């Protein structure tokens, strides 16, 4: 935080400005009186008319009272300005207190400024919205860190247990132990890479260039075709040219994750996956539909949350890391798009990605 020298408060500066404006208005009024009235009074009294005040008499009578009037105006300007500015700046004081509370880590504090809409209330509402968003993001990051720690600890604990058993009772054939350790290590590596990819997408650390979603979808289908054939799932890809701006690698990962999720959760066998692309006036759409069991809307709403494996989750023999759709959601958000998931009426899932064209 930048160190600053102490200075006058905004309330004091506004009060002085208010008083200065009043003093200037008073001085201008006196100048108008002098220029347009007193200068027409003769310098000397007219002989033979009795006592007639001349300019000097009026000046002697006018100047002291004008001085007292200026003093009164100054006092009125200072006191009135101080009270008025205090009332006007009261919302800013509440905003400052909320800012300091947020700086101390209290993200639950809200300003909730009442009254009609003006600049201060617009600022307060924007600040409350920002605090709510930051609080939600911090809570999500804390939950994600806890889940990630748990997920990373599991393969390490399994490896440690297998090594302890092998050390106490060395197996006759070490090939099985090596194979199991290799599988556990591969899962840990996949989880770590997924976490890194998720972090990269959240930070938007990529350069944007034109990308055709139809080509991205075709590459994802070709890459995962052996997996689909092994599981007895038919994959169809169709659509038109759909150009968007973004990272080719991340958008390829997005399409791959969606198609992969559609294949591995396509139960029972002999299911289908339909991948289509379309282009609209201001957006392009990538849609991945798959058959499968009927899903509840409550379950579908949790599918993009990291590591969420509810009791209703579709179980398969695929050893995923629980980050596929979470990564897809982060990639779409980083590209200023929208990912919507909806259960299909006949069973399965409909995943639709909408990105700016």
Protein backbone atom coordinates (compact mmCIF):
# COMPACT_ATOMS: atom_id res chain seq x y z
CA UNK A 1 0.00 0.00 0.00
CA UNK A 2 1.34 3.42 -0.98
CA UNK A 3 2.33 5.66 1.97
CA UNK A 4 0.78 9.10 1.86
CA UNK A 5 1.34 12.25 3.91
CA UNK A 6 -1.63 13.37 6.03
CA UNK A 7 -3.76 16.09 4.48
CA UNK A 8 -7.06 17.91 4.95
CA UNK A 9 -10.19 15.81 4.73
CA UNK A 10 -12.59 16.02 1.81
CA UNK A 11 -15.21 17.44 4.17
CA UNK A 12 -12.93 20.31 5.20
CA UNK A 13 -11.94 21.07 1.61
CA UNK A 14 -15.56 21.07 0.49
CA UNK A 15 -16.51 23.29 3.44
CA UNK A 16 -13.80 25.80 2.56
CA UNK A 17 -14.88 25.71 -1.06
CA UNK A 18 -18.51 26.30 -0.04
CA UNK A 19 -17.51 29.23 2.19
CA UNK A 20 -15.29 30.65 -0.55
CA UNK A 21 -18.16 30.57 -3.03
CA UNK A 22 -20.42 32.43 -0.58
CA UNK A 23 -17.70 35.02 0.13
CA UNK A 24 -17.14 35.51 -3.60
CA UNK A 25 -20.86 35.96 -4.16
CA UNK A 26 -20.99 38.52 -1.31
CA UNK A 27 -18.00 40.41 -2.67
CA UNK A 28 -19.56 40.53 -6.13
CA UNK A 29 -22.81 41.82 -4.64
CA UNK A 30 -20.94 44.60 -2.81
CA UNK A 31 -19.05 45.42 -5.99
CA UNK A 32 -22.34 45.72 -7.85
CA UNK A 33 -23.64 48.07 -5.14
CA UNK A 34 -20.49 50.21 -5.40
CA UNK A 35 -20.35 50.31 -9.18
CA UNK A 36 -24.00 50.82 -9.96
CA UNK A 37 -25.18 52.86 -6.95
CA UNK A 38 -22.47 54.70 -5.05
CA UNK A 39 -20.75 56.07 -8.08
CA UNK A 40 -23.88 58.09 -8.93
CA UNK A 41 -23.84 59.81 -5.53
CA UNK A 42 -22.08 63.22 -5.78
CA UNK A 43 -18.75 63.64 -4.11
CA UNK A 44 -19.82 66.94 -2.44
CA UNK A 45 -23.15 67.99 -1.01
CA UNK A 46 -25.25 70.32 -3.18
CA UNK A 47 -25.35 73.90 -1.63
CA UNK A 48 -28.73 75.21 -0.61
CA UNK A 49 -30.43 71.82 -0.25
CA UNK A 50 -29.85 71.34 3.46
CA UNK A 51 -28.05 68.23 4.66
CA UNK A 52 -27.57 65.83 1.80
CA UNK A 53 -25.25 62.83 2.34
CA UNK A 54 -22.44 62.72 -0.14
CA UNK A 55 -20.41 59.76 -1.29
CA UNK A 56 -18.00 59.92 1.66
CA UNK A 57 -20.87 59.84 4.15
CA UNK A 58 -22.37 56.80 2.48
CA UNK A 59 -19.02 55.06 2.32
CA UNK A 60 -18.42 55.61 6.05
CA UNK A 61 -21.88 54.25 6.83
CA UNK A 62 -21.73 51.38 4.32
CA UNK A 63 -18.22 49.91 4.69
CA UNK A 64 -18.42 48.82 8.39
CA UNK A 65 -21.77 47.18 7.87
CA UNK A 66 -20.57 45.55 4.69
CA UNK A 67 -17.55 44.20 6.58
CA UNK A 68 -19.79 42.73 9.29
CA UNK A 69 -22.00 41.26 6.60
CA UNK A 70 -18.96 39.59 5.02
CA UNK A 71 -17.94 38.19 8.42
CA UNK A 72 -21.45 36.85 8.89
CA UNK A 73 -21.38 35.31 5.44
CA UNK A 74 -18.03 33.68 6.22
CA UNK A 75 -19.34 32.20 9.48
CA UNK A 76 -22.51 31.03 7.77
CA UNK A 77 -20.52 29.51 4.94
CA UNK A 78 -18.17 27.62 7.27
CA UNK A 79 -20.83 26.33 9.67
CA UNK A 80 -23.42 25.67 7.02
CA UNK A 81 -20.86 24.11 4.71
CA UNK A 82 -19.52 21.86 7.47
CA UNK A 83 -23.00 20.60 8.38
CA UNK A 84 -24.14 20.30 4.78
CA UNK A 85 -21.03 18.46 3.61
CA UNK A 86 -21.22 16.15 6.62
CA UNK A 87 -24.71 15.15 5.58
CA UNK A 88 -23.75 14.83 1.91
CA UNK A 89 -20.63 12.77 2.65
CA UNK A 90 -22.28 10.42 5.17
CA UNK A 91 -22.74 7.72 2.49
CA UNK A 92 -19.07 8.01 1.60
CA UNK A 93 -18.18 7.42 5.25
CA UNK A 94 -20.20 4.20 5.25
CA UNK A 95 -18.51 3.11 2.03
CA UNK A 96 -15.11 3.80 3.59
CA UNK A 97 -15.97 1.70 6.66
CA UNK A 98 -17.09 -1.15 4.42
CA UNK A 99 -13.87 -0.90 2.41
CA UNK A 100 -11.76 -1.10 5.57
CA UNK A 101 -13.80 -4.07 6.79
CA UNK A 102 -13.20 -5.83 3.47
CA UNK A 103 -9.47 -5.02 3.71
CA UNK A 104 -9.44 -6.75 7.11
CA UNK A 105 -10.96 -9.85 5.51
CA UNK A 106 -14.63 -9.32 6.40
CA UNK A 107 -16.19 -9.94 2.99
CA UNK A 108 -19.65 -10.53 4.45
CA UNK A 109 -20.12 -6.84 5.35
CA UNK A 110 -22.50 -4.90 3.10
CA UNK A 111 -23.22 -1.18 2.87
CA UNK A 112 -26.92 -1.49 1.95
CA UNK A 113 -27.30 2.25 1.50
CA UNK A 114 -30.94 3.31 1.60
CA UNK A 115 -32.55 6.19 -0.24
CA UNK A 116 -33.17 7.18 -3.83
CA UNK A 117 -30.71 6.49 -6.61
CA UNK A 118 -27.76 8.89 -6.94
CA UNK A 119 -24.01 8.68 -7.49
CA UNK A 120 -23.22 7.58 -3.93
CA UNK A 121 -25.92 4.91 -3.89
CA UNK A 122 -24.83 3.66 -7.30
CA UNK A 123 -21.28 3.38 -5.96
CA UNK A 124 -22.52 1.60 -2.82
CA UNK A 125 -24.61 -0.88 -4.81
CA UNK A 126 -21.68 -1.59 -7.13
CA UNK A 127 -19.41 -2.11 -4.13
CA UNK A 128 -21.92 -4.48 -2.51
CA UNK A 129 -22.16 -6.47 -5.75
CA UNK A 130 -18.36 -6.61 -5.98
CA UNK A 131 -18.07 -7.82 -2.37
CA UNK A 132 -20.71 -10.51 -2.99
CA UNK A 133 -18.84 -11.73 -6.05
CA UNK A 134 -15.47 -11.71 -4.29
CA UNK A 135 -16.94 -13.55 -1.29
CA UNK A 136 -18.40 -16.21 -3.58
CA UNK A 137 -15.11 -16.58 -5.46
CA UNK A 138 -13.08 -16.85 -2.24
CA UNK A 139 -15.48 -19.46 -0.89
CA UNK A 140 -15.27 -21.37 -4.16
CA UNK A 141 -11.46 -21.20 -4.14
CA UNK A 142 -11.30 -22.40 -0.54
CA UNK A 143 -13.66 -25.27 -1.31
CA UNK A 144 -11.68 -26.08 -4.45
CA UNK A 145 -8.36 -26.04 -2.56
CA UNK A 146 -9.76 -28.35 0.11
CA UNK A 147 -11.14 -30.75 -2.50
CA UNK A 148 -7.94 -30.63 -4.54
CA UNK A 149 -5.86 -31.39 -1.46
CA UNK A 150 -8.09 -34.34 -0.68
CA UNK A 151 -7.96 -35.65 -4.24
CA UNK A 152 -4.17 -35.31 -4.42
CA UNK A 153 -3.74 -36.94 -1.04
CA UNK A 154 -5.68 -40.05 -2.07
CA UNK A 155 -3.21 -41.42 -4.68
CA UNK A 156 -0.29 -40.56 -2.42
CA UNK A 157 -1.90 -42.45 0.46
CA UNK A 158 -2.59 -45.44 -1.80
CA UNK A 159 1.01 -45.44 -3.00
CA UNK A 160 2.28 -45.23 0.58
CA UNK A 161 0.05 -48.12 1.65
CA UNK A 162 1.21 -50.34 -1.23
CA UNK A 163 4.85 -49.56 -0.50
CA UNK A 164 4.38 -50.30 3.21
CA UNK A 165 2.80 -53.67 2.40
CA UNK A 166 5.54 -54.48 -0.09
CA UNK A 167 8.25 -53.57 2.43
CA UNK A 168 6.76 -55.72 5.20
CA UNK A 169 5.90 -58.61 2.89
CA UNK A 170 7.92 -58.41 -0.34
CA UNK A 171 5.85 -59.87 -3.21
CA UNK A 172 7.27 -62.72 -5.21
CA UNK A 173 6.25 -61.02 -8.42
CA UNK A 174 6.94 -57.27 -8.40
CA UNK A 175 5.31 -56.75 -11.83
CA UNK A 176 1.84 -56.46 -10.32
CA UNK A 177 3.04 -53.92 -7.74
CA UNK A 178 4.76 -51.87 -10.45
CA UNK A 179 1.61 -51.91 -12.59
CA UNK A 180 -0.57 -50.75 -9.72
CA UNK A 181 1.91 -48.02 -8.75
CA UNK A 182 2.05 -46.91 -12.37
CA UNK A 183 -1.75 -46.63 -12.55
CA UNK A 184 -1.95 -44.64 -9.32
CA UNK A 185 0.88 -42.34 -10.42
CA UNK A 186 -0.74 -41.79 -13.83
CA UNK A 187 -3.96 -40.77 -12.10
CA UNK A 188 -2.08 -38.31 -9.88
CA UNK A 189 -0.34 -36.81 -12.93
CA UNK A 190 -3.66 -36.48 -14.77
CA UNK A 191 -5.20 -34.74 -11.77
CA UNK A 192 -2.25 -32.34 -11.48
CA UNK A 193 -2.39 -31.48 -15.19
CA UNK A 194 -6.14 -30.90 -14.93
CA UNK A 195 -5.61 -28.54 -12.00
CA UNK A 196 -2.97 -26.61 -13.94
CA UNK A 197 -5.26 -26.35 -16.97
CA UNK A 198 -8.12 -25.15 -14.78
CA UNK A 199 -5.88 -22.48 -13.23
CA UNK A 200 -4.69 -21.35 -16.67
CA UNK A 201 -8.26 -20.99 -17.90
CA UNK A 202 -9.32 -19.04 -14.80
CA UNK A 203 -6.40 -16.61 -15.21
CA UNK A 204 -7.10 -16.11 -18.94
CA UNK A 205 -3.38 -16.52 -19.63
CA UNK A 206 -3.65 -17.04 -23.37
CA UNK A 207 -3.53 -15.14 -26.65
CA UNK A 208 -6.67 -14.89 -28.75
CA UNK A 209 -6.85 -15.89 -32.42
CA UNK A 210 -9.61 -17.02 -34.81
CA UNK A 211 -10.73 -20.60 -34.18
CA UNK A 212 -13.24 -22.69 -36.16
CA UNK A 213 -15.35 -24.67 -33.70
CA UNK A 214 -16.40 -27.12 -36.42
CA UNK A 215 -12.78 -28.17 -36.95
CA UNK A 216 -12.22 -28.32 -33.20
CA UNK A 217 -15.24 -30.61 -32.80
CA UNK A 218 -14.08 -32.89 -35.63
CA UNK A 219 -10.62 -33.22 -34.07
CA UNK A 220 -12.15 -34.07 -30.69
CA UNK A 221 -14.36 -36.75 -32.27
CA UNK A 222 -11.44 -38.28 -34.18
CA UNK A 223 -9.29 -38.30 -31.05
CA UNK A 224 -11.93 -40.06 -28.94
CA UNK A 225 -13.29 -42.37 -31.63
CA UNK A 226 -11.28 -45.42 -30.38
CA UNK A 227 -12.70 -44.90 -26.87
CA UNK A 228 -16.23 -44.63 -28.28
CA UNK A 229 -15.81 -47.81 -30.33
CA UNK A 230 -14.43 -49.68 -27.33
CA UNK A 231 -17.51 -48.70 -25.32
CA UNK A 232 -19.98 -49.33 -28.12
CA UNK A 233 -20.99 -45.69 -28.50
CA UNK A 234 -21.72 -44.15 -31.90
CA UNK A 235 -20.42 -40.61 -32.35
CA UNK A 236 -21.72 -38.30 -35.07
CA UNK A 237 -20.34 -34.85 -35.90
CA UNK A 238 -21.98 -32.30 -38.16
CA UNK A 239 -22.38 -28.57 -38.51
CA UNK A 240 -21.21 -25.45 -40.29
CA UNK A 241 -18.19 -23.20 -39.98
CA UNK A 242 -18.33 -21.41 -36.63
CA UNK A 243 -15.53 -18.89 -36.10
CA UNK A 244 -14.81 -17.48 -32.67
CA UNK A 245 -11.80 -15.83 -31.03
CA UNK A 246 -9.77 -17.54 -28.37
CA UNK A 247 -7.08 -20.07 -27.55
CA UNK A 248 -7.01 -23.02 -29.97
CA UNK A 249 -5.53 -25.29 -27.29
CA UNK A 250 -8.12 -24.41 -24.66
CA UNK A 251 -11.04 -24.62 -27.09
CA UNK A 252 -9.74 -28.00 -28.24
CA UNK A 253 -9.63 -29.09 -24.62
CA UNK A 254 -13.18 -27.80 -24.18
CA UNK A 255 -14.55 -29.87 -27.06
CA UNK A 256 -12.53 -32.91 -25.98
CA UNK A 257 -13.83 -32.72 -22.41
CA UNK A 258 -17.45 -32.43 -23.54
CA UNK A 259 -17.23 -35.30 -26.01
CA UNK A 260 -15.24 -37.43 -23.54
CA UNK A 261 -17.83 -36.83 -20.83
CA UNK A 262 -20.63 -37.71 -23.26
CA UNK A 263 -18.92 -41.01 -24.16
CA UNK A 264 -17.88 -42.29 -20.74
CA UNK A 265 -21.25 -41.49 -19.12
CA UNK A 266 -23.26 -42.91 -22.02
CA UNK A 267 -24.78 -45.94 -20.32
CA UNK A 268 -25.90 -48.53 -21.19
CA UNK A 269 -23.93 -49.57 -24.26
CA UNK A 270 -25.04 -48.92 -27.85
CA UNK A 271 -25.67 -45.26 -27.05
CA UNK A 272 -25.07 -42.28 -29.28
CA UNK A 273 -23.28 -38.93 -29.05
CA UNK A 274 -24.25 -36.10 -31.39
CA UNK A 275 -21.82 -33.19 -31.86
CA UNK A 276 -23.05 -30.17 -33.84
CA UNK A 277 -21.87 -26.63 -34.51
CA UNK A 278 -23.86 -23.66 -35.72
CA UNK A 279 -23.33 -19.97 -36.36
CA UNK A 280 -25.71 -17.17 -35.47
CA UNK A 281 -25.61 -13.43 -35.90
CA UNK A 282 -23.41 -12.62 -32.92
CA UNK A 283 -22.49 -16.01 -31.51
CA UNK A 284 -21.38 -19.52 -32.41
CA UNK A 285 -22.70 -22.67 -30.76
CA UNK A 286 -21.12 -26.02 -29.98
CA UNK A 287 -23.64 -28.63 -28.85
CA UNK A 288 -22.89 -32.10 -27.50
CA UNK A 289 -25.80 -34.46 -26.80
CA UNK A 290 -25.58 -37.99 -25.45
CA UNK A 291 -28.01 -40.70 -24.55
CA UNK A 292 -28.04 -42.36 -21.16
CA UNK A 293 -30.02 -42.58 -17.92
CA UNK A 294 -32.53 -39.92 -16.96
CA UNK A 295 -30.84 -37.15 -14.94
CA UNK A 296 -32.50 -34.90 -12.39
CA UNK A 297 -32.21 -31.11 -12.83
CA UNK A 298 -30.70 -30.86 -9.34
CA UNK A 299 -27.90 -33.24 -10.28
CA UNK A 300 -27.25 -31.51 -13.61
CA UNK A 301 -26.84 -28.16 -11.79
CA UNK A 302 -23.85 -29.58 -9.86
CA UNK A 303 -22.01 -31.20 -12.77
CA UNK A 304 -19.74 -28.21 -13.43
CA UNK A 305 -18.57 -28.00 -9.80
CA UNK A 306 -15.08 -29.45 -9.23
CA UNK A 307 -14.90 -32.88 -7.57
CA UNK A 308 -18.66 -33.09 -7.09
CA UNK A 309 -19.58 -36.78 -7.04
CA UNK A 310 -23.06 -37.03 -5.60
CA UNK A 311 -24.89 -40.27 -4.99
CA UNK A 312 -26.79 -39.73 -8.23
CA UNK A 313 -23.64 -39.40 -10.26
CA UNK A 314 -23.38 -41.80 -13.16
CA UNK A 315 -20.87 -44.49 -12.22
CA UNK A 316 -18.71 -46.11 -14.85
CA UNK A 317 -15.42 -47.88 -15.07
CA UNK A 318 -13.75 -44.68 -16.26
CA UNK A 319 -11.26 -43.36 -13.70
CA UNK A 320 -11.89 -39.64 -14.15
CA UNK A 321 -10.66 -36.91 -11.85
CA UNK A 322 -13.94 -35.03 -11.51
CA UNK A 323 -12.72 -31.90 -13.32
CA UNK A 324 -13.84 -32.40 -16.92
CA UNK A 325 -16.94 -30.22 -16.89
CA UNK A 326 -15.40 -27.83 -14.35
CA UNK A 327 -12.55 -27.21 -16.79
CA UNK A 328 -15.06 -26.80 -19.63
CA UNK A 329 -16.96 -24.22 -17.59
CA UNK A 330 -13.77 -22.27 -16.82
CA UNK A 331 -12.68 -22.31 -20.48
CA UNK A 332 -16.08 -21.04 -21.62
CA UNK A 333 -16.08 -18.32 -18.96
CA UNK A 334 -12.55 -17.27 -19.95
CA UNK A 335 -13.78 -16.85 -23.53
CA UNK A 336 -16.74 -14.69 -22.42
CA UNK A 337 -19.19 -17.44 -23.32
CA UNK A 338 -21.88 -19.49 -21.65
CA UNK A 339 -22.11 -23.23 -20.94
CA UNK A 340 -25.59 -24.59 -20.28
CA UNK A 341 -26.33 -28.17 -19.22
CA UNK A 342 -29.81 -29.66 -19.43
CA UNK A 343 -31.17 -33.19 -18.99
CA UNK A 344 -32.65 -34.75 -22.11
CA UNK A 345 -36.25 -35.91 -21.89
CA UNK A 346 -35.36 -39.42 -23.03
CA UNK A 347 -32.28 -39.64 -20.81
CA UNK A 348 -28.76 -38.34 -21.12
CA UNK A 349 -27.32 -34.83 -21.18
CA UNK A 350 -27.44 -31.84 -23.50
CA UNK A 351 -24.37 -29.57 -23.24
CA UNK A 352 -24.51 -26.31 -25.18
CA UNK A 353 -21.63 -23.84 -25.47
CA UNK A 354 -22.32 -20.34 -26.79
CA UNK A 355 -19.32 -18.14 -27.63
CA UNK A 356 -19.02 -14.68 -29.22
CA UNK A 357 -18.56 -14.85 -32.99
